[in-house]
């Protein structure tokens, strides 16, 4: 089984391939982009913030000589903007649906479309984006990055956007569960349609800034932060290693559509492994209902957008 053979430090070459990483300008997404660029791919950083994207690209170029990186203006919370955004792309071999927002304020916020902000950005935006990208992604791989918190989330199909009982952390977990259900359902529907595009789901485990190596100027870890983070390193990890499941999901030719990848140690840290798809992740009825609701809310069906 390939699980034992995958080497996070010796990635297969990806020269000539084009990968889009949403939210590739910061956090785990940055390290996904850095590692994919190190494998020789052209990496496109999907981000709303041009200045942050420029800083991230400068950092990647300083660590990966000859890195091929560029920025794509991308706002997942603005559904209307996605069609013109993806018109700038010609061909993709994979897209990593990584971008996400976690709000801590108790006040529920909505997008201009009237959708709860976390659900809109984390799930609906990616749902619509994959539909828009279908013509340039034929035969490629959709990699959806969820969250460990989704394993304990509860999702009410009648209240997907937490209008009745909004709590920030619960709403975030629900949005990530919806996103992961979409990743699994997408692969089922692609297989049924005879498509050569595949969909893989991953989660990064537990990642802390205090365990994350510095990448100036957008992330600088002080000596004090590093020392304070050491005890947490027993169970958690930095964002560099939290990127490994997504990177493997993109690059490993042995990974198959419909699989779930996560960290080896308690699902929280360590090298990426293939996990069983069980519990809510295997609930096909719930996934079907989330899909139908997402089509209604976005006006996009990813399967109907294929060439």
Protein backbone atom coordinates (compact mmCIF):
# COMPACT_ATOMS: atom_id res chain seq x y z
CA UNK A 1 0.00 0.00 0.00
CA UNK A 2 1.35 3.41 -0.99
CA UNK A 3 0.69 4.93 2.45
CA UNK A 4 4.08 3.74 3.74
CA UNK A 5 5.96 4.90 0.65
CA UNK A 6 4.81 8.50 0.46
CA UNK A 7 7.68 10.80 1.41
CA UNK A 8 6.63 14.32 2.39
CA UNK A 9 10.22 15.52 1.87
CA UNK A 10 10.65 14.00 -1.63
CA UNK A 11 7.63 15.03 -3.62
CA UNK A 12 7.10 13.77 -7.17
CA UNK A 13 7.85 16.36 -9.85
CA UNK A 14 4.94 18.33 -11.23
CA UNK A 15 6.69 20.29 -13.97
CA UNK A 16 4.27 21.60 -16.58
CA UNK A 17 1.23 21.27 -14.34
CA UNK A 18 -1.01 24.11 -13.23
CA UNK A 19 -2.56 24.18 -9.76
CA UNK A 20 -4.93 26.73 -8.24
CA UNK A 21 -4.86 27.10 -4.45
CA UNK A 22 -7.65 29.22 -3.01
CA UNK A 23 -6.45 31.19 -0.02
CA UNK A 24 -2.88 30.47 -1.07
CA UNK A 25 -1.66 33.78 0.28
CA UNK A 26 -1.74 32.84 3.98
CA UNK A 27 -1.95 30.09 6.57
CA UNK A 28 -2.07 26.47 5.46
CA UNK A 29 -2.86 27.52 1.90
CA UNK A 30 0.45 29.35 1.66
CA UNK A 31 2.39 26.23 2.60
CA UNK A 32 0.37 24.13 0.14
CA UNK A 33 1.36 26.62 -2.56
CA UNK A 34 5.01 26.71 -1.47
CA UNK A 35 5.32 22.92 -1.49
CA UNK A 36 3.58 22.53 -4.86
CA UNK A 37 5.83 25.23 -6.33
CA UNK A 38 8.80 23.30 -4.95
CA UNK A 39 7.63 20.30 -6.98
CA UNK A 40 7.94 22.37 -10.17
CA UNK A 41 4.30 23.21 -10.79
CA UNK A 42 2.90 26.58 -11.79
CA UNK A 43 0.87 27.63 -8.75
CA UNK A 44 -1.92 30.18 -8.91
CA UNK A 45 -2.77 31.88 -5.62
CA UNK A 46 -6.48 32.67 -5.46
CA UNK A 47 -6.92 35.61 -3.09
CA UNK A 48 -8.96 38.77 -2.57
CA UNK A 49 -5.99 40.71 -1.25
CA UNK A 50 -3.43 41.59 -3.91
CA UNK A 51 -0.86 42.94 -1.44
CA UNK A 52 -0.94 39.75 0.64
CA UNK A 53 -0.71 37.63 -2.48
CA UNK A 54 2.33 39.60 -3.66
CA UNK A 55 4.01 39.10 -0.26
CA UNK A 56 3.26 35.37 -0.37
CA UNK A 57 4.66 35.04 -3.89
CA UNK A 58 7.80 36.92 -2.90
CA UNK A 59 8.27 34.53 0.02
CA UNK A 60 7.79 31.47 -2.20
CA UNK A 61 10.27 32.79 -4.75
CA UNK A 62 12.83 33.42 -2.00
CA UNK A 63 12.61 29.77 -0.90
CA UNK A 64 12.00 28.07 -4.25
CA UNK A 65 14.46 29.26 -6.90
CA UNK A 66 12.71 29.65 -10.24
CA UNK A 67 9.26 29.23 -8.67
CA UNK A 68 6.37 29.79 -11.07
CA UNK A 69 3.64 31.53 -9.10
CA UNK A 70 1.00 34.08 -9.98
CA UNK A 71 -2.06 35.69 -8.44
CA UNK A 72 -5.72 35.31 -9.38
CA UNK A 73 -8.12 37.86 -7.92
CA UNK A 74 -10.72 35.69 -6.20
CA UNK A 75 -13.52 36.55 -3.78
CA UNK A 76 -15.45 33.42 -2.84
CA UNK A 77 -18.01 35.43 -0.90
CA UNK A 78 -19.07 37.26 -4.10
CA UNK A 79 -20.75 34.66 -6.30
CA UNK A 80 -21.34 37.04 -9.18
CA UNK A 81 -17.63 37.73 -9.52
CA UNK A 82 -16.60 34.11 -10.02
CA UNK A 83 -17.58 33.75 -13.66
CA UNK A 84 -15.37 36.58 -14.89
CA UNK A 85 -12.60 35.54 -12.51
CA UNK A 86 -12.20 32.04 -13.92
CA UNK A 87 -12.28 33.37 -17.48
CA UNK A 88 -8.61 34.26 -16.87
CA UNK A 89 -7.65 30.57 -16.63
CA UNK A 90 -6.81 28.26 -19.53
CA UNK A 91 -6.06 24.85 -18.04
CA UNK A 92 -5.86 23.41 -14.55
CA UNK A 93 -4.58 20.04 -13.41
CA UNK A 94 -5.92 20.51 -9.88
CA UNK A 95 -7.66 23.03 -7.69
CA UNK A 96 -7.21 23.04 -3.91
CA UNK A 97 -10.34 24.40 -2.24
CA UNK A 98 -8.53 25.68 0.82
CA UNK A 99 -9.66 29.25 1.51
CA UNK A 100 -11.82 29.69 4.57
CA UNK A 101 -12.93 32.19 7.14
CA UNK A 102 -13.48 31.61 10.86
CA UNK A 103 -15.32 34.41 12.62
CA UNK A 104 -15.25 34.80 16.37
CA UNK A 105 -17.69 37.69 16.81
CA UNK A 106 -21.10 36.68 18.17
CA UNK A 107 -22.91 38.74 15.53
CA UNK A 108 -24.04 36.79 12.47
CA UNK A 109 -22.75 38.37 9.25
CA UNK A 110 -24.03 38.02 5.70
CA UNK A 111 -22.62 38.52 2.23
CA UNK A 112 -24.12 40.86 -0.35
CA UNK A 113 -26.06 37.82 -1.61
CA UNK A 114 -27.68 37.44 1.82
CA UNK A 115 -25.81 34.27 2.79
CA UNK A 116 -24.16 33.66 6.16
CA UNK A 117 -20.54 34.70 5.62
CA UNK A 118 -18.72 31.53 6.72
CA UNK A 119 -21.09 29.17 4.91
CA UNK A 120 -20.91 31.38 1.82
CA UNK A 121 -17.12 31.62 1.73
CA UNK A 122 -16.14 28.16 2.89
CA UNK A 123 -18.76 26.13 1.05
CA UNK A 124 -20.98 28.00 -1.41
CA UNK A 125 -18.12 29.91 -3.01
CA UNK A 126 -16.13 26.73 -3.61
CA UNK A 127 -19.25 24.91 -4.84
CA UNK A 128 -19.87 27.59 -7.47
CA UNK A 129 -16.16 27.93 -8.27
CA UNK A 130 -15.82 24.26 -9.18
CA UNK A 131 -18.78 24.60 -11.49
CA UNK A 132 -17.21 27.61 -13.18
CA UNK A 133 -13.85 25.83 -13.45
CA UNK A 134 -15.25 22.64 -14.99
CA UNK A 135 -14.30 23.52 -18.59
CA UNK A 136 -10.61 24.02 -17.69
CA UNK A 137 -10.40 21.17 -15.17
CA UNK A 138 -11.34 18.21 -17.35
CA UNK A 139 -9.37 15.17 -16.23
CA UNK A 140 -7.93 17.04 -13.26
CA UNK A 141 -8.38 16.72 -9.53
CA UNK A 142 -10.54 18.70 -7.11
CA UNK A 143 -9.02 18.70 -3.63
CA UNK A 144 -11.28 19.94 -0.85
CA UNK A 145 -9.69 20.92 2.45
CA UNK A 146 -12.11 20.49 5.31
CA UNK A 147 -11.55 20.57 9.04
CA UNK A 148 -11.15 18.13 11.91
CA UNK A 149 -14.00 20.03 13.60
CA UNK A 150 -16.40 18.82 10.91
CA UNK A 151 -16.25 15.32 12.38
CA UNK A 152 -18.34 16.43 15.35
CA UNK A 153 -20.57 18.95 13.55
CA UNK A 154 -24.30 18.58 13.13
CA UNK A 155 -25.90 19.84 9.96
CA UNK A 156 -29.61 20.63 9.64
CA UNK A 157 -30.56 20.69 5.94
CA UNK A 158 -33.41 23.01 6.88
CA UNK A 159 -31.05 25.54 8.46
CA UNK A 160 -27.74 25.21 6.65
CA UNK A 161 -26.84 28.84 7.32
CA UNK A 162 -27.44 28.79 11.09
CA UNK A 163 -30.23 31.36 11.01
CA UNK A 164 -31.92 29.87 14.09
CA UNK A 165 -29.05 29.06 16.44
CA UNK A 166 -25.98 30.97 15.29
CA UNK A 167 -22.79 30.32 17.25
CA UNK A 168 -19.56 31.20 15.42
CA UNK A 169 -17.65 27.98 16.07
CA UNK A 170 -20.67 25.79 15.33
CA UNK A 171 -21.42 27.69 12.13
CA UNK A 172 -17.80 27.27 11.04
CA UNK A 173 -17.86 23.51 11.69
CA UNK A 174 -21.13 23.19 9.76
CA UNK A 175 -19.71 25.08 6.81
CA UNK A 176 -16.69 22.76 6.71
CA UNK A 177 -18.88 19.66 6.99
CA UNK A 178 -20.97 20.92 4.07
CA UNK A 179 -17.78 21.51 2.11
CA UNK A 180 -16.48 18.00 2.78
CA UNK A 181 -19.84 16.40 1.97
CA UNK A 182 -19.70 18.27 -1.33
CA UNK A 183 -16.24 16.85 -2.05
CA UNK A 184 -17.45 13.28 -1.56
CA UNK A 185 -20.71 13.82 -3.43
CA UNK A 186 -18.87 15.49 -6.30
CA UNK A 187 -16.76 12.40 -6.83
CA UNK A 188 -19.79 10.11 -6.77
CA UNK A 189 -21.51 12.22 -9.41
CA UNK A 190 -18.39 12.51 -11.55
CA UNK A 191 -18.00 8.71 -11.52
CA UNK A 192 -21.65 8.21 -12.42
CA UNK A 193 -21.23 10.64 -15.33
CA UNK A 194 -18.15 8.81 -16.60
CA UNK A 195 -15.91 11.83 -16.02
CA UNK A 196 -12.14 11.56 -15.75
CA UNK A 197 -12.07 14.41 -13.20
CA UNK A 198 -11.80 13.19 -9.60
CA UNK A 199 -12.57 14.70 -6.21
CA UNK A 200 -10.50 14.06 -3.07
CA UNK A 201 -11.12 15.37 0.45
CA UNK A 202 -8.56 16.15 3.14
CA UNK A 203 -8.30 17.82 6.51
CA UNK A 204 -5.17 19.35 8.08
CA UNK A 205 -5.62 18.23 11.68
CA UNK A 206 -4.72 20.77 14.34
CA UNK A 207 -2.43 23.63 13.32
CA UNK A 208 -1.09 26.53 15.38
CA UNK A 209 0.80 29.68 14.41
CA UNK A 210 3.16 29.13 17.35
CA UNK A 211 4.31 25.85 15.77
CA UNK A 212 4.56 27.29 12.27
CA UNK A 213 7.97 28.28 10.86
CA UNK A 214 8.44 31.94 9.97
CA UNK A 215 7.73 33.20 6.49
CA UNK A 216 8.43 36.94 6.58
CA UNK A 217 6.81 39.33 6.12
CA UNK A 218 3.34 37.83 6.63
CA UNK A 219 4.24 35.38 9.39
CA UNK A 220 7.08 35.86 11.86
CA UNK A 221 7.36 33.49 14.82
CA UNK A 222 9.22 34.90 17.78
CA UNK A 223 11.41 32.83 20.10
CA UNK A 224 8.85 33.31 22.86
CA UNK A 225 6.02 32.02 20.69
CA UNK A 226 8.09 29.02 19.72
CA UNK A 227 8.78 28.12 23.35
CA UNK A 228 5.16 28.59 24.38
CA UNK A 229 4.03 26.36 21.54
CA UNK A 230 6.29 23.43 22.38
CA UNK A 231 3.87 21.67 24.78
CA UNK A 232 1.09 21.82 22.19
CA UNK A 233 3.43 20.12 19.71
CA UNK A 234 2.75 16.82 21.45
CA UNK A 235 -0.69 16.68 19.80
CA UNK A 236 -0.77 19.53 17.29
CA UNK A 237 1.47 20.83 14.52
CA UNK A 238 2.43 23.88 12.51
CA UNK A 239 0.81 24.94 9.27
CA UNK A 240 3.73 23.74 7.17
CA UNK A 241 3.05 20.12 8.12
CA UNK A 242 -0.72 20.69 8.17
CA UNK A 243 -0.41 21.30 4.42
CA UNK A 244 0.84 17.75 3.79
CA UNK A 245 -2.57 16.04 3.36
CA UNK A 246 -3.65 18.53 0.67
CA UNK A 247 -0.28 18.31 -1.09
CA UNK A 248 -0.44 14.53 -1.16
CA UNK A 249 -4.04 14.69 -2.38
CA UNK A 250 -2.83 16.76 -5.33
CA UNK A 251 0.40 14.95 -6.22
CA UNK A 252 0.08 11.27 -5.27
CA UNK A 253 -0.99 9.30 -8.38
CA UNK A 254 -2.14 6.45 -6.15
CA UNK A 255 -4.76 8.60 -4.41
CA UNK A 256 -8.23 7.88 -5.77
CA UNK A 257 -11.36 9.95 -6.06
CA UNK A 258 -13.62 9.78 -3.02
CA UNK A 259 -10.79 9.20 -0.57
CA UNK A 260 -10.11 11.17 2.61
CA UNK A 261 -6.62 12.13 3.76
CA UNK A 262 -5.57 13.43 7.15
CA UNK A 263 -2.64 13.43 9.59
CA UNK A 264 -1.55 10.06 10.89
CA UNK A 265 -1.40 10.75 14.65
CA UNK A 266 -4.95 10.84 16.07
CA UNK A 267 -5.99 12.77 12.96
CA UNK A 268 -4.28 15.82 14.45
CA UNK A 269 -0.62 15.76 13.41
CA UNK A 270 1.94 13.84 11.43
CA UNK A 271 2.41 12.47 7.95
CA UNK A 272 -0.67 12.20 5.71
CA UNK A 273 -2.54 8.93 5.48
CA UNK A 274 -5.77 7.72 3.92
CA UNK A 275 -8.59 7.66 6.47
CA UNK A 276 -11.84 5.67 6.33
CA UNK A 277 -14.84 7.63 5.08
CA UNK A 278 -17.43 7.00 7.78
CA UNK A 279 -20.07 8.64 9.96
CA UNK A 280 -21.55 11.84 8.58
CA UNK A 281 -18.96 11.89 5.80
CA UNK A 282 -20.56 8.71 4.40
CA UNK A 283 -24.15 10.02 4.66
CA UNK A 284 -25.12 10.10 0.99
CA UNK A 285 -28.67 11.30 1.71
CA UNK A 286 -27.39 14.31 3.64
CA UNK A 287 -24.81 15.02 0.93
CA UNK A 288 -27.51 14.91 -1.74
CA UNK A 289 -29.65 17.39 0.20
CA UNK A 290 -26.68 19.74 0.72
CA UNK A 291 -25.94 19.54 -3.02
CA UNK A 292 -29.52 20.39 -3.98
CA UNK A 293 -29.64 23.31 -1.54
CA UNK A 294 -26.29 24.58 -2.83
CA UNK A 295 -27.54 24.56 -6.42
CA UNK A 296 -30.57 26.60 -5.33
CA UNK A 297 -28.44 29.10 -3.39
CA UNK A 298 -25.73 29.59 -6.03
CA UNK A 299 -27.58 29.03 -9.27
CA UNK A 300 -24.74 26.71 -10.34
CA UNK A 301 -24.66 22.95 -10.73
CA UNK A 302 -21.02 21.79 -11.07
CA UNK A 303 -22.01 18.76 -13.13
CA UNK A 304 -24.02 20.79 -15.63
CA UNK A 305 -21.06 23.12 -16.23
CA UNK A 306 -18.84 20.38 -17.66
CA UNK A 307 -17.85 20.74 -21.32
